[in-house]
Amino acid sequence: MQFMVNIVVRLPDDWPKEKLDPLVKAETERGMQCVKEGKLKRIFRIVGQRANFSIWEAGTLEELHATLASLPMHPYMDVRVYPIIKHSTTEAWEAAHGAMPPF
């Protein structure tokens, strides 16, 4: 199953760089691992915010929850999850032309 996830990170404003930098590095490393595992399909930053929209793949809601909870910044995240399915326009394109063009 695929999910569109909206994540907003709310870190304390007064965190020193020495505390923030290792957390950002760990979050990036875990995100890259999720891509390698086939769980994180795409991620898009929201301009001007510490927030994103992302596409995730999971077999169950419990699996998605465990994956999101494994992110180092999870304690500071507001997360909204939207199950998604293929749109009829995508299906029509694929029937007529094959795979959708890459981003």
Protein backbone atom coordinates (compact mmCIF):
# COMPACT_ATOMS: atom_id res chain seq x y z
CA MET A 1 0.00 0.00 0.00
CA GLN A 2 1.14 3.53 -0.66
CA PHE A 3 0.68 6.52 1.61
CA MET A 4 1.19 10.24 1.21
CA VAL A 5 2.61 11.51 4.48
CA ASN A 6 2.83 15.12 5.57
CA ILE A 7 5.48 15.67 8.24
CA VAL A 8 6.02 18.94 10.09
CA VAL A 9 9.04 19.00 12.40
CA ARG A 10 8.78 21.20 15.49
CA LEU A 11 12.19 21.44 17.12
CA PRO A 12 12.88 23.77 20.04
CA ASP A 13 13.93 27.20 18.73
CA ASP A 14 16.82 27.49 21.15
CA TRP A 15 18.65 24.27 20.24
CA PRO A 16 22.37 24.87 19.68
CA LYS A 17 23.97 23.82 16.42
CA GLU A 18 25.97 21.17 18.31
CA LYS A 19 22.71 19.42 19.25
CA LEU A 20 20.85 19.99 15.96
CA ASP A 21 23.55 18.91 13.50
CA PRO A 22 23.87 15.28 14.75
CA LEU A 23 20.07 14.90 14.76
CA VAL A 24 19.78 16.19 11.18
CA LYS A 25 22.59 13.86 10.09
CA ALA A 26 20.94 10.85 11.76
CA GLU A 27 17.58 11.74 10.17
CA THR A 28 19.16 11.98 6.72
CA GLU A 29 20.95 8.65 7.16
CA ARG A 30 17.75 6.91 8.30
CA GLY A 31 15.82 8.47 5.39
CA MET A 32 18.38 7.15 2.92
CA GLN A 33 18.11 3.71 4.51
CA CYS A 34 14.31 3.85 4.07
CA VAL A 35 14.84 4.62 0.36
CA LYS A 36 17.21 1.64 0.02
CA GLU A 37 14.64 -0.59 1.75
CA GLY A 38 11.94 0.53 -0.70
CA LYS A 39 9.85 2.19 2.01
CA LEU A 40 10.40 5.85 1.13
CA LYS A 41 9.54 6.39 -2.53
CA ARG A 42 9.73 10.20 -2.86
CA ILE A 43 10.16 13.16 -0.55
CA PHE A 44 9.48 16.83 -1.25
CA ARG A 45 10.43 19.72 1.02
CA ILE A 46 7.83 22.42 1.67
CA VAL A 47 9.51 25.72 0.88
CA GLY A 48 10.34 27.84 3.93
CA GLN A 49 9.42 25.16 6.46
CA ARG A 50 10.99 22.22 8.20
CA ALA A 51 8.29 20.07 6.64
CA ASN A 52 7.69 17.69 3.77
CA PHE A 53 5.26 15.64 1.76
CA SER A 54 6.48 12.14 1.04
CA ILE A 55 5.31 8.90 -0.55
CA TRP A 56 5.82 5.76 1.53
CA GLU A 57 5.21 2.07 0.83
CA ALA A 58 4.19 -0.37 3.57
CA GLY A 59 2.36 -3.67 3.73
CA THR A 60 0.33 -2.64 6.76
CA LEU A 61 -0.48 0.44 8.80
CA GLU A 62 1.53 -1.06 11.64
CA GLU A 63 4.58 -1.36 9.38
CA LEU A 64 4.23 2.26 8.29
CA HIS A 65 3.87 3.36 11.91
CA ALA A 66 7.00 1.44 12.93
CA THR A 67 8.99 2.91 10.05
CA LEU A 68 7.92 6.49 10.82
CA ALA A 69 8.56 5.94 14.53
CA SER A 70 12.11 4.82 13.66
CA LEU A 71 12.98 8.27 12.33
CA PRO A 72 15.27 10.10 14.77
CA MET A 73 13.15 13.28 14.63
CA HIS A 74 9.89 11.37 15.22
CA PRO A 75 9.44 12.74 18.77
CA TYR A 76 9.34 16.24 17.26
CA MET A 77 7.05 15.47 14.30
CA ASP A 78 3.43 16.20 13.58
CA VAL A 79 2.50 13.45 11.10
CA ARG A 80 -0.55 13.14 8.87
CA VAL A 81 -1.03 9.97 6.81
CA TYR A 82 -3.20 9.66 3.71
CA PRO A 83 -3.67 6.26 2.02
CA ILE A 84 -3.44 6.76 -1.75
CA ILE A 85 -4.35 4.77 -4.85
CA LYS A 86 -3.56 5.18 -8.52
CA HIS A 87 -5.60 7.91 -10.23
CA SER A 88 -7.67 7.05 -13.32
CA THR A 89 -5.64 9.51 -15.41
CA THR A 90 -2.47 7.60 -14.51
CA GLU A 91 -4.14 4.33 -15.45
CA ALA A 92 -5.29 5.79 -18.79
CA TRP A 93 -1.80 7.15 -19.54
CA GLU A 94 -0.17 3.83 -18.73
CA ALA A 95 -2.68 1.95 -20.91
CA ALA A 96 -2.00 4.28 -23.85
CA HIS A 97 1.71 5.09 -23.41
CA GLY A 98 3.30 2.81 -20.79
CA ALA A 99 4.93 4.12 -17.64
CA MET A 100 4.41 7.72 -16.59
CA PRO A 101 7.30 10.05 -17.45
CA PRO A 102 9.82 10.50 -14.62
CA PHE A 103 9.80 13.68 -12.56
